[in-house]
Each structure stands twice: as C-alpha cells, then as structure tokens.
C-alpha cells in the first residue's frame, strides 16, 4: 500500500491492523453523586510523653549494657580480689553473648505474646535483681555468686535488645520511627 496515493482522509499507521475490537471497551460511567473510594489516611495520635519513655528506655538499656564488661575492664584487680583465673573473668562478658544466642527466639516470642510493657518490666526486674546479687557478692569468696548475678543480667538483655523497634513503632508516628529506633539502640551502645 502506497501511503502517498492513499485516498483515505484519516491517518492510519501502516503496521497496525484496522481492527476496532477495543473500541467497544469503555470505562463505566460514574453516577453524578459518585465519590471515589480513596482510603482515608490514618491519623496517629502521638503523645509528648513518648520522648520521656524513649529517654527512660535508653537509660534502662544503658544500665544493662554497662554491666556487660564491668569485670573485664579491671581484670587484673578482679582476679586478685576474688582469687580466680583470667578465664573466669573473661566468661563474665562472654556469658552475655552465649545466653543471647539461644534465648533471643523465646525472648522475641515473649515480646509478641506479652507485649511491650510486660517485656520491658521483666527485663528491668531481671537487670535489677542481677545487679543486687552482684552487690551482695562483694566478699572475696563469693565470685560464683557474682557470676550468677552477671548471668541474670545477661539473661535480661534478651528482653532489652528486641525492644527499640517495637517501642518506636508503638509510641512514635511514621515519620519518627527510624529516629526513635536509633535512639533506643544507642542506649545499648553506650
């Protein structure tokens, strides 16, 4: 077909067939009183006290993480005082990592089932009890009681390390979640 000598007044593409089967498909006409079904934007109510909750959590997390290597940083003094080998002092920090590996899954399950508040309270009480056990183990012959207190605090970190993301998601709006999560994680990094 020669396009120059074509006698059609309508421009047609040479490679497109002249089928008009799609001409019959038209969108449904909307009634006059039609309002489009656009999902309403969810409005989140955030409270000013969320910042206090975040700061308290950061301090609570820091109080647990500060106890992680408290014996290892003064290993020579603790070794002489308690009369134990360096290996036992190394174990006071390794117990944190060793208990975390198998217990993070039950700790996450506990957070899902019991919620943010109960999980935080269990972690707080565990840290407090473990700290007091270590306070009562200041006698030179009570190193193993001190190690038990260290293990209780290490067990409590399982309830702490999974909280920042949930705390940020529950207490903060969508535009502040990542900042709140980073502040919560920062509490453990101190």
C-alpha atoms as a PDB file:
ATOM      1  CA  UNK A   1       0.000   0.000   0.000  1.00  0.00           C
ATOM      2  CA  UNK A   2       1.361   3.327  -1.010  1.00  0.00           C
ATOM      3  CA  UNK A   3       0.790   5.951   1.669  1.00  0.00           C
ATOM      4  CA  UNK A   4       1.172   8.859  -0.704  1.00  0.00           C
ATOM      5  CA  UNK A   5      -1.540   7.725  -3.067  1.00  0.00           C
ATOM      6  CA  UNK A   6      -3.923   6.589  -0.383  1.00  0.00           C
ATOM      7  CA  UNK A   7      -7.323   8.132  -0.732  1.00  0.00           C
ATOM      8  CA  UNK A   8      -8.293   7.831   2.916  1.00  0.00           C
ATOM      9  CA  UNK A   9      -8.692  11.092   4.722  1.00  0.00           C
ATOM     10  CA  UNK A  10      -7.893   9.523   8.049  1.00  0.00           C
ATOM     11  CA  UNK A  11      -4.260   8.886   9.003  1.00  0.00           C
ATOM     12  CA  UNK A  12      -3.586   5.228   9.720  1.00  0.00           C
ATOM     13  CA  UNK A  13      -0.458   3.503  10.880  1.00  0.00           C
ATOM     14  CA  UNK A  14       0.790   1.081   8.258  1.00  0.00           C
ATOM     15  CA  UNK A  15       1.696  -1.623  10.774  1.00  0.00           C
ATOM     16  CA  UNK A  16      -1.460  -1.543  12.894  1.00  0.00           C
ATOM     17  CA  UNK A  17      -4.377  -3.574  11.749  1.00  0.00           C
ATOM     18  CA  UNK A  18      -7.673  -1.866  11.282  1.00  0.00           C
ATOM     19  CA  UNK A  19      -9.466  -3.926  13.934  1.00  0.00           C
ATOM     20  CA  UNK A  20     -11.747  -1.875  16.097  1.00  0.00           C
ATOM     21  CA  UNK A  21     -12.429  -4.529  18.764  1.00  0.00           C
ATOM     22  CA  UNK A  22     -11.103  -2.303  21.537  1.00  0.00           C
ATOM     23  CA  UNK A  23     -13.452   0.490  20.607  1.00  0.00           C
ATOM     24  CA  UNK A  24     -16.284  -1.320  22.367  1.00  0.00           C
ATOM     25  CA  UNK A  25     -14.481  -1.358  25.741  1.00  0.00           C
ATOM     26  CA  UNK A  26     -15.258   1.817  27.557  1.00  0.00           C
ATOM     27  CA  UNK A  27     -14.989   2.622  31.237  1.00  0.00           C
ATOM     28  CA  UNK A  28     -18.181   2.575  33.221  1.00  0.00           C
ATOM     29  CA  UNK A  29     -19.815   5.910  33.522  1.00  0.00           C
ATOM     30  CA  UNK A  30     -19.866   7.257  37.032  1.00  0.00           C
ATOM     31  CA  UNK A  31     -23.118   8.477  38.536  1.00  0.00           C
ATOM     32  CA  UNK A  32     -23.446  12.146  39.398  1.00  0.00           C
ATOM     33  CA  UNK A  33     -23.293  11.538  43.148  1.00  0.00           C
ATOM     34  CA  UNK A  34     -20.189   9.341  42.883  1.00  0.00           C
ATOM     35  CA  UNK A  35     -17.386   9.872  45.345  1.00  0.00           C
ATOM     36  CA  UNK A  36     -14.184   7.983  44.696  1.00  0.00           C
ATOM     37  CA  UNK A  37     -13.272   5.350  47.266  1.00  0.00           C
ATOM     38  CA  UNK A  38      -9.923   6.639  48.359  1.00  0.00           C
ATOM     39  CA  UNK A  39      -8.729   5.102  51.598  1.00  0.00           C
ATOM     40  CA  UNK A  40      -8.655   7.609  54.388  1.00  0.00           C
ATOM     41  CA  UNK A  41      -5.224   8.477  55.647  1.00  0.00           C
ATOM     42  CA  UNK A  42      -4.717   7.055  59.109  1.00  0.00           C
ATOM     43  CA  UNK A  43      -4.197   9.663  61.731  1.00  0.00           C
ATOM     44  CA  UNK A  44      -1.846   8.716  64.538  1.00  0.00           C
ATOM     45  CA  UNK A  45      -2.142  10.373  67.890  1.00  0.00           C
ATOM     46  CA  UNK A  46       1.256  10.812  69.458  1.00  0.00           C
ATOM     47  CA  UNK A  47       1.874  11.967  72.985  1.00  0.00           C
ATOM     48  CA  UNK A  48       4.559  14.280  74.273  1.00  0.00           C
ATOM     49  CA  UNK A  49       5.445  11.738  76.944  1.00  0.00           C
ATOM     50  CA  UNK A  50       6.780   9.441  74.217  1.00  0.00           C
ATOM     51  CA  UNK A  51      10.094  11.294  74.473  1.00  0.00           C
ATOM     52  CA  UNK A  52      10.255  10.596  78.213  1.00  0.00           C
ATOM     53  CA  UNK A  53       9.533   6.919  77.544  1.00  0.00           C
ATOM     54  CA  UNK A  54      12.307   6.814  74.937  1.00  0.00           C
ATOM     55  CA  UNK A  55      14.824   8.517  77.248  1.00  0.00           C
ATOM     56  CA  UNK A  56      13.906   6.156  80.107  1.00  0.00           C
ATOM     57  CA  UNK A  57      14.355   3.184  77.812  1.00  0.00           C
ATOM     58  CA  UNK A  58      17.745   4.448  76.635  1.00  0.00           C
ATOM     59  CA  UNK A  59      18.931   4.773  80.260  1.00  0.00           C
ATOM     60  CA  UNK A  60      17.479   1.387  81.146  1.00  0.00           C
ATOM     61  CA  UNK A  61      19.225  -0.205  78.178  1.00  0.00           C
ATOM     62  CA  UNK A  62      22.484   1.549  79.070  1.00  0.00           C
ATOM     63  CA  UNK A  63      22.269   0.294  82.657  1.00  0.00           C
ATOM     64  CA  UNK A  64      22.196  -3.253  81.335  1.00  0.00           C
ATOM     65  CA  UNK A  65      24.923  -2.821  78.745  1.00  0.00           C
ATOM     66  CA  UNK A  66      27.300  -1.086  81.167  1.00  0.00           C
ATOM     67  CA  UNK A  67      27.388  -4.265  83.219  1.00  0.00           C
ATOM     68  CA  UNK A  68      28.476  -6.335  80.240  1.00  0.00           C
ATOM     69  CA  UNK A  69      32.242  -5.774  80.581  1.00  0.00           C
ATOM     70  CA  UNK A  70      32.434  -4.282  84.055  1.00  0.00           C
ATOM     71  CA  UNK A  71      34.690  -7.080  85.295  1.00  0.00           C
ATOM     72  CA  UNK A  72      36.782  -7.343  82.137  1.00  0.00           C
ATOM     73  CA  UNK A  73      37.919  -3.734  82.129  1.00  0.00           C
ATOM     74  CA  UNK A  74      39.607  -4.198  85.518  1.00  0.00           C
ATOM     75  CA  UNK A  75      40.522  -7.827  85.033  1.00  0.00           C
ATOM     76  CA  UNK A  76      43.809  -7.717  86.967  1.00  0.00           C
ATOM     77  CA  UNK A  77      42.122  -6.210  90.046  1.00  0.00           C
ATOM     78  CA  UNK A  78      39.165  -8.603  89.987  1.00  0.00           C
ATOM     79  CA  UNK A  79      41.481 -11.582  89.503  1.00  0.00           C
ATOM     80  CA  UNK A  80      43.471 -10.664  92.612  1.00  0.00           C
ATOM     81  CA  UNK A  81      40.432  -9.764  94.705  1.00  0.00           C
ATOM     82  CA  UNK A  82      38.378 -12.875  94.012  1.00  0.00           C
ATOM     83  CA  UNK A  83      41.375 -15.179  93.546  1.00  0.00           C
ATOM     84  CA  UNK A  84      40.137 -16.625  90.234  1.00  0.00           C
ATOM     85  CA  UNK A  85      41.830 -17.097  86.889  1.00  0.00           C
ATOM     86  CA  UNK A  86      41.603 -14.686  83.972  1.00  0.00           C
ATOM     87  CA  UNK A  87      39.429 -17.188  82.117  1.00  0.00           C
ATOM     88  CA  UNK A  88      36.626 -16.793  84.662  1.00  0.00           C
ATOM     89  CA  UNK A  89      36.742 -13.029  84.279  1.00  0.00           C
ATOM     90  CA  UNK A  90      36.525 -13.440  80.502  1.00  0.00           C
ATOM     91  CA  UNK A  91      33.479 -15.634  80.989  1.00  0.00           C
ATOM     92  CA  UNK A  92      31.669 -12.806  82.779  1.00  0.00           C
ATOM     93  CA  UNK A  93      31.483 -10.937  79.473  1.00  0.00           C
ATOM     94  CA  UNK A  94      31.082 -13.987  77.239  1.00  0.00           C
ATOM     95  CA  UNK A  95      28.019 -15.111  79.181  1.00  0.00           C
ATOM     96  CA  UNK A  96      26.139 -12.190  77.593  1.00  0.00           C
ATOM     97  CA  UNK A  97      26.768 -13.474  74.083  1.00  0.00           C
ATOM     98  CA  UNK A  98      26.333 -17.130  74.930  1.00  0.00           C
ATOM     99  CA  UNK A  99      22.939 -16.611  76.586  1.00  0.00           C
ATOM    100  CA  UNK A 100      21.751 -14.277  73.833  1.00  0.00           C
ATOM    101  CA  UNK A 101      22.092 -16.813  71.023  1.00  0.00           C
ATOM    102  CA  UNK A 102      19.624 -19.474  72.220  1.00  0.00           C
ATOM    103  CA  UNK A 103      17.322 -17.129  74.125  1.00  0.00           C
ATOM    104  CA  UNK A 104      16.609 -14.412  71.548  1.00  0.00           C
ATOM    105  CA  UNK A 105      13.906 -16.500  69.893  1.00  0.00           C
ATOM    106  CA  UNK A 106      11.972 -17.167  73.122  1.00  0.00           C
ATOM    107  CA  UNK A 107      12.521 -13.503  74.045  1.00  0.00           C
ATOM    108  CA  UNK A 108      11.009 -12.356  70.748  1.00  0.00           C
ATOM    109  CA  UNK A 109       8.103 -14.745  71.197  1.00  0.00           C
ATOM    110  CA  UNK A 110       7.580 -13.334  74.707  1.00  0.00           C
ATOM    111  CA  UNK A 111       7.507  -9.804  73.290  1.00  0.00           C
ATOM    112  CA  UNK A 112       4.901 -10.811  70.703  1.00  0.00           C
ATOM    113  CA  UNK A 113       2.691 -12.619  73.225  1.00  0.00           C
ATOM    114  CA  UNK A 114       3.007 -10.406  76.296  1.00  0.00           C
ATOM    115  CA  UNK A 115       3.533  -7.005  74.749  1.00  0.00           C
ATOM    116  CA  UNK A 116       5.908  -4.116  75.154  1.00  0.00           C
ATOM    117  CA  UNK A 117       5.132  -3.183  78.751  1.00  0.00           C
ATOM    118  CA  UNK A 118       5.403  -6.654  80.304  1.00  0.00           C
ATOM    119  CA  UNK A 119       8.590  -7.441  78.363  1.00  0.00           C
ATOM    120  CA  UNK A 120      10.201  -4.181  79.469  1.00  0.00           C
ATOM    121  CA  UNK A 121       9.217  -4.771  83.099  1.00  0.00           C
ATOM    122  CA  UNK A 122      10.622  -8.324  83.047  1.00  0.00           C
ATOM    123  CA  UNK A 123      13.892  -7.003  81.624  1.00  0.00           C
ATOM    124  CA  UNK A 124      14.027  -4.204  84.201  1.00  0.00           C
ATOM    125  CA  UNK A 125      13.433  -6.557  87.120  1.00  0.00           C
ATOM    126  CA  UNK A 126      15.983  -9.027  85.787  1.00  0.00           C
ATOM    127  CA  UNK A 127      18.614  -6.317  85.482  1.00  0.00           C
ATOM    128  CA  UNK A 128      17.791  -5.033  88.968  1.00  0.00           C
ATOM    129  CA  UNK A 129      17.864  -8.485  90.600  1.00  0.00           C
ATOM    130  CA  UNK A 130      21.115  -9.435  88.877  1.00  0.00           C
ATOM    131  CA  UNK A 131      22.709  -6.165  89.955  1.00  0.00           C
ATOM    132  CA  UNK A 132      21.681  -6.676  93.572  1.00  0.00           C
ATOM    133  CA  UNK A 133      23.017 -10.226  93.519  1.00  0.00           C
ATOM    134  CA  UNK A 134      26.377  -8.818  92.425  1.00  0.00           C
ATOM    135  CA  UNK A 135      26.231  -6.220  95.200  1.00  0.00           C
ATOM    136  CA  UNK A 136      25.797  -8.969  97.788  1.00  0.00           C
ATOM    137  CA  UNK A 137      28.716 -10.890  96.257  1.00  0.00           C
ATOM    138  CA  UNK A 138      31.430  -8.414  97.196  1.00  0.00           C
ATOM    139  CA  UNK A 139      33.117 -10.837  99.595  1.00  0.00           C
ATOM    140  CA  UNK A 140      36.298 -12.355  98.129  1.00  0.00           C
ATOM    141  CA  UNK A 141      34.963 -15.899  98.456  1.00  0.00           C
ATOM    142  CA  UNK A 142      31.664 -15.165  96.594  1.00  0.00           C
ATOM    143  CA  UNK A 143      32.838 -14.881  92.985  1.00  0.00           C
ATOM    144  CA  UNK A 144      30.431 -17.559  91.806  1.00  0.00           C
ATOM    145  CA  UNK A 145      27.521 -15.624  93.296  1.00  0.00           C
ATOM    146  CA  UNK A 146      28.770 -12.600  91.396  1.00  0.00           C
ATOM    147  CA  UNK A 147      28.929 -14.726  88.250  1.00  0.00           C
ATOM    148  CA  UNK A 148      25.321 -15.825  88.860  1.00  0.00           C
ATOM    149  CA  UNK A 149      24.278 -12.171  89.129  1.00  0.00           C
ATOM    150  CA  UNK A 150      26.127 -11.419  85.916  1.00  0.00           C
ATOM    151  CA  UNK A 151      24.256 -14.286  84.243  1.00  0.00           C
ATOM    152  CA  UNK A 152      20.895 -12.905  85.420  1.00  0.00           C
ATOM    153  CA  UNK A 153      21.737  -9.504  83.939  1.00  0.00           C
ATOM    154  CA  UNK A 154      22.875 -11.229  80.727  1.00  0.00           C
ATOM    155  CA  UNK A 155      19.579 -13.090  80.580  1.00  0.00           C
ATOM    156  CA  UNK A 156      17.723  -9.794  80.939  1.00  0.00           C
ATOM    157  CA  UNK A 157      19.416  -8.324  77.868  1.00  0.00           C
ATOM    158  CA  UNK A 158      17.323 -10.685  75.737  1.00  0.00           C
ATOM    159  CA  UNK A 159      14.269  -8.683  76.767  1.00  0.00           C
ATOM    160  CA  UNK A 160      16.029  -5.377  76.131  1.00  0.00           C
ATOM    161  CA  UNK A 161      17.626  -5.785  72.718  1.00  0.00           C
ATOM    162  CA  UNK A 162      14.383  -6.576  70.902  1.00  0.00           C
ATOM    163  CA  UNK A 163      12.508  -3.566  72.303  1.00  0.00           C
ATOM    164  CA  UNK A 164      13.767  -0.500  70.345  1.00  0.00           C
ATOM    165  CA  UNK A 165      11.941  -1.293  67.112  1.00  0.00           C
ATOM    166  CA  UNK A 166       8.679  -2.147  68.878  1.00  0.00           C
ATOM    167  CA  UNK A 167       8.947   0.900  71.142  1.00  0.00           C
ATOM    168  CA  UNK A 168       9.448   3.149  68.128  1.00  0.00           C
ATOM    169  CA  UNK A 169       6.563   1.565  66.224  1.00  0.00           C
ATOM    170  CA  UNK A 170       4.118   1.827  69.120  1.00  0.00           C
ATOM    171  CA  UNK A 171       4.941   5.248  70.554  1.00  0.00           C
ATOM    172  CA  UNK A 172       6.050   7.273  67.523  1.00  0.00           C
ATOM    173  CA  UNK A 173       4.456   8.411  64.291  1.00  0.00           C
ATOM    174  CA  UNK A 174       5.502   7.098  60.888  1.00  0.00           C
ATOM    175  CA  UNK A 175       7.883   9.980  60.273  1.00  0.00           C
ATOM    176  CA  UNK A 176       9.730   9.493  63.587  1.00  0.00           C
ATOM    177  CA  UNK A 177      10.073   5.709  63.808  1.00  0.00           C
ATOM    178  CA  UNK A 178      13.612   5.441  62.464  1.00  0.00           C
ATOM    179  CA  UNK A 179      14.898   8.249  64.690  1.00  0.00           C
ATOM    180  CA  UNK A 180      13.284   6.748  67.789  1.00  0.00           C
ATOM    181  CA  UNK A 181      14.625   3.295  66.937  1.00  0.00           C
ATOM    182  CA  UNK A 182      18.141   4.659  66.527  1.00  0.00           C
ATOM    183  CA  UNK A 183      17.957   6.448  69.895  1.00  0.00           C
ATOM    184  CA  UNK A 184      16.723   3.233  71.530  1.00  0.00           C
ATOM    185  CA  UNK A 185      19.578   1.247  70.023  1.00  0.00           C
ATOM    186  CA  UNK A 186      22.031   3.971  71.003  1.00  0.00           C
ATOM    187  CA  UNK A 187      21.111   3.412  74.640  1.00  0.00           C
ATOM    188  CA  UNK A 188      22.580  -0.069  74.419  1.00  0.00           C
ATOM    189  CA  UNK A 189      25.721   1.127  72.654  1.00  0.00           C
ATOM    190  CA  UNK A 190      26.880   3.384  75.459  1.00  0.00           C
END
